[in-house]
Amino acid sequence: MAKKGVSMRLFLAAALLSLPAALHAEPMSLDEALRLAEARAPELQARAAGLDAARSSAIAADRLPDPKLDLAVKDFPVTGPDAGRFNRDDFTMQVIGISQEFTNPAKRRARALRANADIGVAEAEQAIAAQDVRLATALAWIDLHYAKKRLKKLDLLDAELDDLQATVTARLASGAARPAQALEPEQLRAQLADRRSALIADIARYRAQLTRFTGDTAVDTTGDLPPLAVDGDALRAGLAALPLLRGYDARTLAADADTGLARADKRPDWTVNAAYGRREPNFGDLVTVGVTIDLPLFAKKRQDPKIAARASEATRARLDREAAEREAEASLSADLAMHQMHDEQLANARTRLVPLAKKRAQLDLESFGAGRLDLGTALLSTLALAEAEVDALAREAEVARDAVRINYTYGETRR
């Protein structure tokens, strides 16, 4: 009975371990893919571990060093009549002592500031990694979503070719079409097969990319994209809070802390020590108490060059931060301009290119049915319509990619 209970518990444990993969074996929406990527992406777990390490290190950053225990035998004779013997003269002592180093307060404060800056850097790196994972996951989802839509358009065109093939067959039977025209739908179908193969390869590539972040080997997309509004003014106003710039701010603080540490080296540390010396019982024991103080006497050749170097590093960090902010502003303006262009191109495709291609294909097919147009021209019009519809989907995908890239790059300021 006990063995049966153990077996049941092992079975339940195995089932529970397999649940995470099973729960997400079905198609997922964009929000579900993002949540799964945030929970499973190994780079985010690595950044979280780095943040934990920085926080743990900060606890001990401004602490005093551990005290030191000194054990010694002093003045033990190694030559002469008392060589190798204890307690035969008044010089040999067994000594036990303790010493404590006291780091100057300025250095301890600078170390604490440096440790806090390291925490800021780790937090910024975690935010940047989360931003990158969300962006890559969203783009992979969008690419897969629209690649499937384009493939569906090709399937619809393939079905239309079946109807057209039936019309050609009927016209051949009546003698209204040349025998060679029977091959033209098959030629178009062969061209579509090439495009289908390319799309299927793209779908596999996008699915692999989505699997890379979600960890779901059977990943697929479902649902539509949520609204993706882009507010350029709000994004510009929030640039200073970007994880990238927060990282530069943290590195600037770290450089300032390093400068403070270099300056603190000009202030002496000191060590307090005490020792008890035990001698031969005929003589009295001894106690020693002392203080050791650092003497930074040659600052021009030792401390001052280090201070200047650290100050220059701090200046470089500030200039790097300013350059990064200007780069972010320029990149945002360029991305907004591209997004506007792609949005206008999508509107042109929806309102003009696709309707015109649809109307032309319909008129050419009617002319072909009435015997006023050759089949090749009608097929070209049908192919042009399919290309216009697929191109409109590609433009729609580009607009969605722009919106996601802009919002996730310049608007993701969460910690």
Protein backbone atom coordinates (compact mmCIF):
# COMPACT_ATOMS: atom_id res chain seq x y z
CA MET A 1 0.00 0.00 0.00
CA ALA A 2 2.86 2.32 0.85
CA LYS A 3 4.54 1.57 -2.49
CA LYS A 4 1.31 2.43 -4.27
CA GLY A 5 1.13 5.77 -2.48
CA VAL A 6 4.72 6.60 -3.39
CA SER A 7 4.06 5.71 -7.03
CA MET A 8 0.99 7.95 -7.06
CA ARG A 9 2.96 10.88 -5.61
CA LEU A 10 5.70 10.42 -8.23
CA PHE A 11 3.09 10.34 -10.97
CA LEU A 12 1.47 13.56 -9.72
CA ALA A 13 4.88 15.26 -9.45
CA ALA A 14 5.71 14.32 -13.04
CA ALA A 15 2.33 15.60 -14.17
CA LEU A 16 2.84 18.91 -12.40
CA LEU A 17 6.28 19.33 -13.94
CA SER A 18 4.79 18.86 -17.39
CA LEU A 19 1.98 21.35 -16.81
CA PRO A 20 3.80 24.56 -17.88
CA ALA A 21 4.51 23.22 -21.34
CA ALA A 22 1.04 21.71 -21.70
CA LEU A 23 -0.75 24.87 -20.60
CA HIS A 24 0.71 26.83 -23.51
CA ALA A 25 0.61 24.20 -26.24
CA GLU A 26 -2.34 26.05 -27.87
CA PRO A 27 -2.14 29.28 -29.92
CA MET A 28 -1.48 32.38 -27.84
CA SER A 29 -2.36 36.02 -28.11
CA LEU A 30 0.28 38.74 -28.14
CA ASP A 31 -0.25 39.50 -24.45
CA GLU A 32 0.05 35.81 -23.54
CA ALA A 33 3.27 35.51 -25.54
CA LEU A 34 4.72 38.54 -23.75
CA ARG A 35 3.79 37.19 -20.31
CA LEU A 36 5.30 33.82 -21.13
CA ALA A 37 8.52 35.38 -22.45
CA GLU A 38 8.89 37.52 -19.32
CA ALA A 39 8.51 34.42 -17.16
CA ARG A 40 10.75 32.07 -19.15
CA ALA A 41 13.41 34.07 -20.99
CA PRO A 42 16.78 32.96 -19.55
CA GLU A 43 18.38 36.35 -20.09
CA LEU A 44 15.84 37.92 -17.73
CA GLN A 45 16.56 35.29 -15.10
CA ALA A 46 20.28 35.99 -15.54
CA ARG A 47 19.75 39.74 -15.05
CA ALA A 48 17.65 39.05 -11.95
CA ALA A 49 20.50 36.97 -10.54
CA GLY A 50 22.92 39.80 -11.28
CA LEU A 51 20.66 42.26 -9.46
CA ASP A 52 20.49 39.96 -6.45
CA ALA A 53 24.28 39.75 -6.47
CA ALA A 54 24.63 43.55 -6.54
CA ARG A 55 22.20 43.96 -3.65
CA SER A 56 23.98 41.34 -1.59
CA SER A 57 27.36 42.96 -2.26
CA ALA A 58 26.02 46.34 -1.16
CA ILE A 59 25.31 45.01 2.34
CA ALA A 60 29.03 44.60 3.09
CA ALA A 61 30.32 47.50 0.99
CA ASP A 62 30.82 50.02 3.82
CA ARG A 63 31.62 47.60 6.61
CA LEU A 64 34.90 47.52 8.49
CA PRO A 65 37.31 44.69 7.67
CA ASP A 66 37.27 41.64 9.90
CA PRO A 67 39.55 41.84 12.98
CA LYS A 68 42.78 39.83 12.87
CA LEU A 69 44.08 37.43 15.48
CA ASP A 70 47.85 37.40 15.95
CA LEU A 71 49.61 34.34 17.43
CA ALA A 72 53.39 34.41 17.75
CA VAL A 73 56.43 33.20 19.59
CA LYS A 74 58.91 36.03 19.99
CA ASP A 75 62.60 36.03 20.76
CA PHE A 76 62.97 32.25 20.77
CA PRO A 77 66.70 31.32 20.99
CA VAL A 78 68.06 29.30 18.11
CA THR A 79 71.78 29.50 19.00
CA GLY A 80 73.76 29.56 22.23
CA PRO A 81 73.36 27.48 25.41
CA ASP A 82 69.55 27.95 25.55
CA ALA A 83 68.96 27.15 21.90
CA GLY A 84 65.68 25.29 21.34
CA ARG A 85 64.46 25.72 24.95
CA PHE A 86 61.47 27.62 26.25
CA ASN A 87 61.47 29.68 29.44
CA ARG A 88 65.22 29.63 30.07
CA ASP A 89 65.70 33.35 29.66
CA ASP A 90 63.66 36.50 29.99
CA PHE A 91 63.29 37.19 26.29
CA THR A 92 61.11 34.41 24.87
CA MET A 93 57.39 35.16 24.89
CA GLN A 94 54.24 33.48 23.63
CA VAL A 95 52.14 36.32 22.24
CA ILE A 96 48.41 36.51 21.47
CA GLY A 97 47.03 39.68 20.02
CA ILE A 98 44.16 41.19 18.08
CA SER A 99 44.09 44.05 15.59
CA GLN A 100 41.29 45.97 13.90
CA GLU A 101 41.67 48.12 10.81
CA PHE A 102 39.53 51.26 10.70
CA THR A 103 38.87 52.48 7.19
CA ASN A 104 38.39 56.24 7.07
CA PRO A 105 34.69 57.30 6.91
CA ALA A 106 35.04 59.04 3.55
CA LYS A 107 36.23 55.83 1.92
CA ARG A 108 33.42 53.83 3.49
CA ARG A 109 30.81 56.34 2.26
CA ALA A 110 32.31 56.20 -1.24
CA ARG A 111 32.20 52.39 -1.21
CA ALA A 112 28.55 52.50 -0.19
CA LEU A 113 27.78 54.94 -3.02
CA ARG A 114 29.65 52.70 -5.47
CA ALA A 115 27.66 49.66 -4.34
CA ASN A 116 24.37 51.54 -4.72
CA ALA A 117 25.46 52.65 -8.18
CA ASP A 118 26.16 49.00 -9.05
CA ILE A 119 22.60 48.19 -7.99
CA GLY A 120 21.36 50.95 -10.29
CA VAL A 121 23.40 49.56 -13.17
CA ALA A 122 22.04 46.05 -12.52
CA GLU A 123 18.47 47.38 -12.38
CA ALA A 124 18.96 49.24 -15.65
CA GLU A 125 20.46 46.16 -17.30
CA GLN A 126 17.47 44.12 -16.14
CA ALA A 127 15.07 46.72 -17.54
CA ILE A 128 16.95 46.85 -20.86
CA ALA A 129 16.92 43.05 -21.12
CA ALA A 130 13.18 42.97 -20.37
CA GLN A 131 12.63 45.64 -23.00
CA ASP A 132 14.64 43.69 -25.58
CA VAL A 133 12.82 40.44 -24.81
CA ARG A 134 9.38 42.07 -25.04
CA LEU A 135 10.29 43.78 -28.30
CA ALA A 136 11.75 40.65 -29.92
CA THR A 137 8.80 38.54 -28.77
CA ALA A 138 6.24 41.04 -30.06
CA LEU A 139 7.98 41.36 -33.43
CA ALA A 140 8.19 37.58 -33.81
CA TRP A 141 4.48 37.29 -32.97
CA ILE A 142 3.57 40.00 -35.50
CA ASP A 143 5.73 38.44 -38.22
CA LEU A 144 4.17 35.01 -37.65
CA HIS A 145 0.65 36.48 -37.48
CA TYR A 146 0.94 38.29 -40.83
CA ALA A 147 2.86 35.53 -42.57
CA LYS A 148 -0.08 33.22 -41.85
CA LYS A 149 -2.45 35.84 -43.23
CA ARG A 150 -0.42 36.15 -46.45
CA LEU A 151 -0.40 32.38 -46.81
CA LYS A 152 -4.19 32.37 -46.45
CA LYS A 153 -4.43 34.91 -49.28
CA LEU A 154 -2.43 32.60 -51.52
CA ASP A 155 -4.75 29.72 -50.60
CA LEU A 156 -7.75 31.81 -51.65
CA LEU A 157 -6.08 32.64 -54.95
CA ASP A 158 -5.36 28.95 -55.48
CA ALA A 159 -9.06 28.21 -54.99
CA GLU A 160 -9.95 30.91 -57.52
CA LEU A 161 -7.61 29.24 -60.01
CA ASP A 162 -9.69 26.07 -59.70
CA ASP A 163 -12.77 28.01 -60.80
CA LEU A 164 -10.79 29.59 -63.62
CA GLN A 165 -9.51 26.18 -64.69
CA ALA A 166 -13.11 24.97 -64.95
CA THR A 167 -13.95 27.97 -67.18
CA VAL A 168 -10.96 27.23 -69.42
CA THR A 169 -11.98 23.57 -69.68
CA ALA A 170 -15.50 24.55 -70.71
CA ARG A 171 -14.18 26.94 -73.34
CA LEU A 172 -11.83 24.29 -74.68
CA ALA A 173 -14.70 21.87 -75.01
CA SER A 174 -16.67 24.46 -76.98
CA GLY A 175 -13.69 25.33 -79.15
CA ALA A 176 -13.60 28.93 -77.92
CA ALA A 177 -10.07 28.63 -76.46
CA ARG A 178 -6.73 27.44 -77.72
CA PRO A 179 -5.34 24.18 -76.19
CA ALA A 180 -2.25 26.00 -74.92
CA GLN A 181 -4.45 28.20 -72.73
CA ALA A 182 -5.23 25.19 -70.55
CA LEU A 183 -1.65 25.34 -69.29
CA GLU A 184 -1.74 28.97 -68.17
CA PRO A 185 -3.60 28.40 -64.85
CA GLU A 186 -1.12 25.66 -64.02
CA GLN A 187 1.78 27.99 -64.76
CA LEU A 188 0.33 30.57 -62.39
CA ARG A 189 -0.25 27.86 -59.80
CA ALA A 190 3.42 26.86 -60.10
CA GLN A 191 4.45 30.48 -59.43
CA LEU A 192 2.19 30.53 -56.39
CA ALA A 193 3.81 27.31 -55.17
CA ASP A 194 7.17 29.08 -55.08
CA ARG A 195 5.69 31.91 -53.04
CA ARG A 196 3.96 29.44 -50.76
CA SER A 197 7.27 27.67 -50.11
CA ALA A 198 8.92 30.97 -49.20
CA LEU A 199 6.06 31.86 -46.86
CA ILE A 200 6.10 28.46 -45.20
CA ALA A 201 9.83 28.88 -44.57
CA ASP A 202 9.17 32.35 -43.10
CA ILE A 203 6.47 30.95 -40.84
CA ALA A 204 8.84 28.28 -39.56
CA ARG A 205 11.51 30.92 -38.93
CA TYR A 206 9.15 33.25 -37.07
CA ARG A 207 7.75 30.37 -35.04
CA ALA A 208 11.29 29.33 -34.06
CA GLN A 209 12.02 32.89 -32.96
CA LEU A 210 8.84 32.97 -30.87
CA THR A 211 9.72 29.60 -29.36
CA ARG A 212 13.16 30.94 -28.46
CA PHE A 213 11.59 33.46 -26.05
CA THR A 214 8.45 31.66 -24.84
CA GLY A 215 9.98 28.18 -24.54
CA ASP A 216 6.85 26.70 -26.16
CA THR A 217 7.84 24.29 -28.95
CA ALA A 218 4.26 24.20 -30.31
CA VAL A 219 3.85 27.97 -30.32
CA ASP A 220 1.28 29.60 -32.59
CA THR A 221 -0.61 32.88 -32.77
CA THR A 222 -4.28 33.60 -32.24
CA GLY A 223 -6.41 36.70 -32.02
CA ASP A 224 -5.81 40.14 -33.45
CA LEU A 225 -3.31 42.81 -32.57
CA PRO A 226 -4.33 45.18 -29.78
CA PRO A 227 -4.58 48.89 -30.67
CA LEU A 228 -1.09 50.27 -31.26
CA ALA A 229 -1.35 54.06 -30.99
CA VAL A 230 1.87 56.06 -31.14
CA ASP A 231 2.03 59.34 -29.21
CA GLY A 232 5.21 61.08 -30.32
CA ASP A 233 4.95 63.99 -27.87
CA ALA A 234 4.48 61.70 -24.87
CA LEU A 235 7.37 59.54 -25.97
CA ARG A 236 9.68 62.54 -26.32
CA ALA A 237 8.67 63.78 -22.88
CA GLY A 238 9.55 60.44 -21.31
CA LEU A 239 12.92 59.85 -22.96
CA ALA A 240 14.88 60.62 -19.79
CA ALA A 241 13.24 57.64 -18.06
CA LEU A 242 14.36 55.11 -20.68
CA PRO A 243 16.18 52.09 -19.22
CA LEU A 244 19.11 52.82 -21.54
CA LEU A 245 19.54 56.34 -20.15
CA ARG A 246 18.95 55.14 -16.59
CA GLY A 247 21.85 52.79 -17.14
CA TYR A 248 24.06 55.71 -18.20
CA ASP A 249 22.92 57.66 -15.12
CA ALA A 250 23.88 54.74 -12.90
CA ARG A 251 27.28 54.44 -14.56
CA THR A 252 27.83 58.16 -14.01
CA LEU A 253 27.08 57.72 -10.32
CA ALA A 254 29.50 54.80 -10.23
CA ALA A 255 32.20 56.95 -11.83
CA ASP A 256 31.56 59.70 -9.27
CA ALA A 257 31.84 57.12 -6.49
CA ASP A 258 35.16 55.93 -7.93
CA THR A 259 36.36 59.54 -7.88
CA GLY A 260 35.30 59.80 -4.25
CA LEU A 261 37.19 56.61 -3.45
CA ALA A 262 40.33 58.02 -5.06
CA ARG A 263 40.00 61.22 -3.03
CA ALA A 264 39.43 59.22 0.15
CA ASP A 265 42.83 57.57 -0.33
CA LYS A 266 44.39 60.89 0.70
CA ARG A 267 42.84 60.44 4.14
CA PRO A 268 44.68 57.96 6.33
CA ASP A 269 43.30 54.64 7.49
CA TRP A 270 44.41 53.39 10.88
CA THR A 271 44.74 50.11 12.69
CA VAL A 272 44.38 49.52 16.44
CA ASN A 273 46.18 46.48 17.85
CA ALA A 274 46.63 44.94 21.29
CA ALA A 275 48.77 41.96 22.34
CA TYR A 276 49.51 39.99 25.48
CA GLY A 277 52.95 38.41 25.86
CA ARG A 278 53.52 35.53 28.28
CA ARG A 279 57.10 34.97 29.54
CA GLU A 280 58.88 32.53 31.85
CA PRO A 281 57.16 32.57 35.25
CA ASN A 282 60.21 34.19 36.92
CA PHE A 283 59.59 37.25 34.78
CA GLY A 284 56.46 39.38 34.35
CA ASP A 285 54.08 39.16 31.36
CA LEU A 286 53.82 42.07 28.92
CA VAL A 287 50.94 43.93 27.27
CA THR A 288 51.31 45.87 24.03
CA VAL A 289 48.79 48.41 22.69
CA GLY A 290 49.41 50.41 19.56
CA VAL A 291 47.97 52.31 16.61
CA THR A 292 49.19 52.14 13.00
CA ILE A 293 48.37 55.11 10.77
CA ASP A 294 48.80 55.36 6.99
CA LEU A 295 50.90 58.31 5.85
CA PRO A 296 49.87 59.55 2.37
CA LEU A 297 52.88 61.86 2.12
CA PHE A 298 53.53 61.68 -1.63
CA ALA A 299 50.08 62.52 -2.98
CA LYS A 300 51.35 64.25 -6.14
CA LYS A 301 52.82 61.02 -7.45
CA ARG A 302 50.38 58.54 -5.92
CA GLN A 303 46.86 59.72 -5.02
CA ASP A 304 46.49 62.82 -7.21
CA PRO A 305 47.04 61.05 -10.56
CA LYS A 306 44.43 58.46 -9.59
CA ILE A 307 41.98 61.21 -8.63
CA ALA A 308 42.52 62.93 -11.98
CA ALA A 309 42.01 59.66 -13.86
CA ARG A 310 38.78 58.88 -12.04
CA ALA A 311 37.51 62.43 -12.57
CA SER A 312 38.16 62.08 -16.30
CA GLU A 313 36.24 58.79 -16.31
CA ALA A 314 33.31 60.58 -14.64
CA THR A 315 33.43 63.32 -17.29
CA ARG A 316 33.43 60.69 -20.01
CA ALA A 317 30.42 58.97 -18.41
CA ARG A 318 28.46 62.25 -18.46
CA LEU A 319 29.35 62.93 -22.06
CA ASP A 320 28.41 59.37 -23.05
CA ARG A 321 25.07 59.87 -21.36
CA GLU A 322 24.48 63.14 -23.24
CA ALA A 323 25.43 61.46 -26.53
CA ALA A 324 23.06 58.56 -25.79
CA GLU A 325 20.20 60.96 -25.08
CA ARG A 326 20.80 62.84 -28.34
CA GLU A 327 20.97 59.53 -30.20
CA ALA A 328 17.67 58.44 -28.64
CA GLU A 329 16.02 61.73 -29.63
CA ALA A 330 17.30 61.47 -33.20
CA SER A 331 16.32 57.80 -33.49
CA LEU A 332 12.82 58.52 -32.18
CA SER A 333 12.31 61.32 -34.70
CA ALA A 334 13.54 59.08 -37.54
CA ASP A 335 11.35 56.16 -36.43
CA LEU A 336 8.29 58.40 -36.16
CA ALA A 337 8.91 59.69 -39.69
CA MET A 338 9.22 56.14 -41.04
CA HIS A 339 6.07 55.11 -39.18
CA GLN A 340 4.15 58.00 -40.73
CA MET A 341 5.40 57.03 -44.19
CA HIS A 342 4.42 53.39 -43.72
CA ASP A 343 1.01 54.43 -42.39
CA GLU A 344 0.40 56.59 -45.47
CA GLN A 345 1.50 53.75 -47.75
CA LEU A 346 -0.90 51.37 -45.99
CA ALA A 347 -3.77 53.83 -46.41
CA ASN A 348 -2.90 54.19 -50.12
CA ALA A 349 -2.91 50.40 -50.54
CA ARG A 350 -6.27 50.01 -48.79
CA THR A 351 -8.09 52.90 -50.45
CA ARG A 352 -6.60 52.82 -53.95
CA LEU A 353 -4.22 50.02 -54.93
CA VAL A 354 -6.26 47.02 -53.76
CA PRO A 355 -9.68 48.35 -54.94
CA LEU A 356 -8.24 49.24 -58.33
CA ALA A 357 -6.55 45.86 -58.70
CA LYS A 358 -9.77 44.10 -57.66
CA LYS A 359 -11.85 46.06 -60.14
CA ARG A 360 -9.39 45.43 -62.97
CA ALA A 361 -9.22 41.69 -62.23
CA GLN A 362 -13.02 41.49 -62.19
CA LEU A 363 -13.34 43.36 -65.49
CA ASP A 364 -10.65 41.26 -67.17
CA LEU A 365 -12.26 38.01 -66.03
CA GLU A 366 -15.61 39.19 -67.35
CA SER A 367 -13.95 40.10 -70.65
CA PHE A 368 -12.28 36.70 -70.78
CA GLY A 369 -15.62 34.98 -70.11
CA ALA A 370 -17.17 36.96 -72.92
CA GLY A 371 -14.31 36.03 -75.26
CA ARG A 372 -13.03 39.62 -75.61
CA LEU A 373 -9.70 39.05 -73.73
CA ASP A 374 -7.04 36.36 -73.77
CA LEU A 375 -6.54 34.17 -70.74
CA GLY A 376 -2.95 35.30 -70.11
CA THR A 377 -3.99 38.91 -69.57
CA ALA A 378 -6.85 37.82 -67.27
CA LEU A 379 -4.47 35.68 -65.24
CA LEU A 380 -2.00 38.54 -64.92
CA SER A 381 -4.76 40.74 -63.54
CA THR A 382 -5.70 38.04 -61.07
CA LEU A 383 -2.07 37.70 -60.01
CA ALA A 384 -1.78 41.50 -59.70
CA LEU A 385 -4.78 41.51 -57.36
CA ALA A 386 -3.21 38.81 -55.20
CA GLU A 387 0.05 40.71 -55.13
CA ALA A 388 -1.76 43.92 -54.15
CA GLU A 389 -3.57 42.17 -51.30
CA VAL A 390 -0.42 40.46 -50.06
CA ASP A 391 1.46 43.76 -50.35
CA ALA A 392 -1.27 45.47 -48.30
CA LEU A 393 -0.81 42.85 -45.60
CA ALA A 394 2.94 43.40 -45.71
CA ARG A 395 2.37 47.14 -45.29
CA GLU A 396 -0.03 46.51 -42.43
CA ALA A 397 2.60 44.31 -40.77
CA GLU A 398 5.23 47.03 -41.24
CA VAL A 399 2.98 49.61 -39.57
CA ALA A 400 2.39 47.22 -36.67
CA ARG A 401 6.12 46.51 -36.39
CA ASP A 402 6.84 50.25 -36.35
CA ALA A 403 4.30 50.88 -33.61
CA VAL A 404 5.57 48.03 -31.46
CA ARG A 405 9.21 48.96 -31.98
CA ILE A 406 8.59 52.63 -31.15
CA ASN A 407 6.39 52.02 -28.12
CA TYR A 408 8.53 49.23 -26.70
CA THR A 409 11.81 51.06 -27.35
CA TYR A 410 10.92 54.58 -26.29
CA GLY A 411 7.88 54.03 -24.09
CA GLU A 412 8.88 51.04 -21.95
CA THR A 413 10.10 52.82 -18.80
CA ARG A 414 8.99 50.24 -16.24
CA ARG A 415 11.47 48.93 -13.69
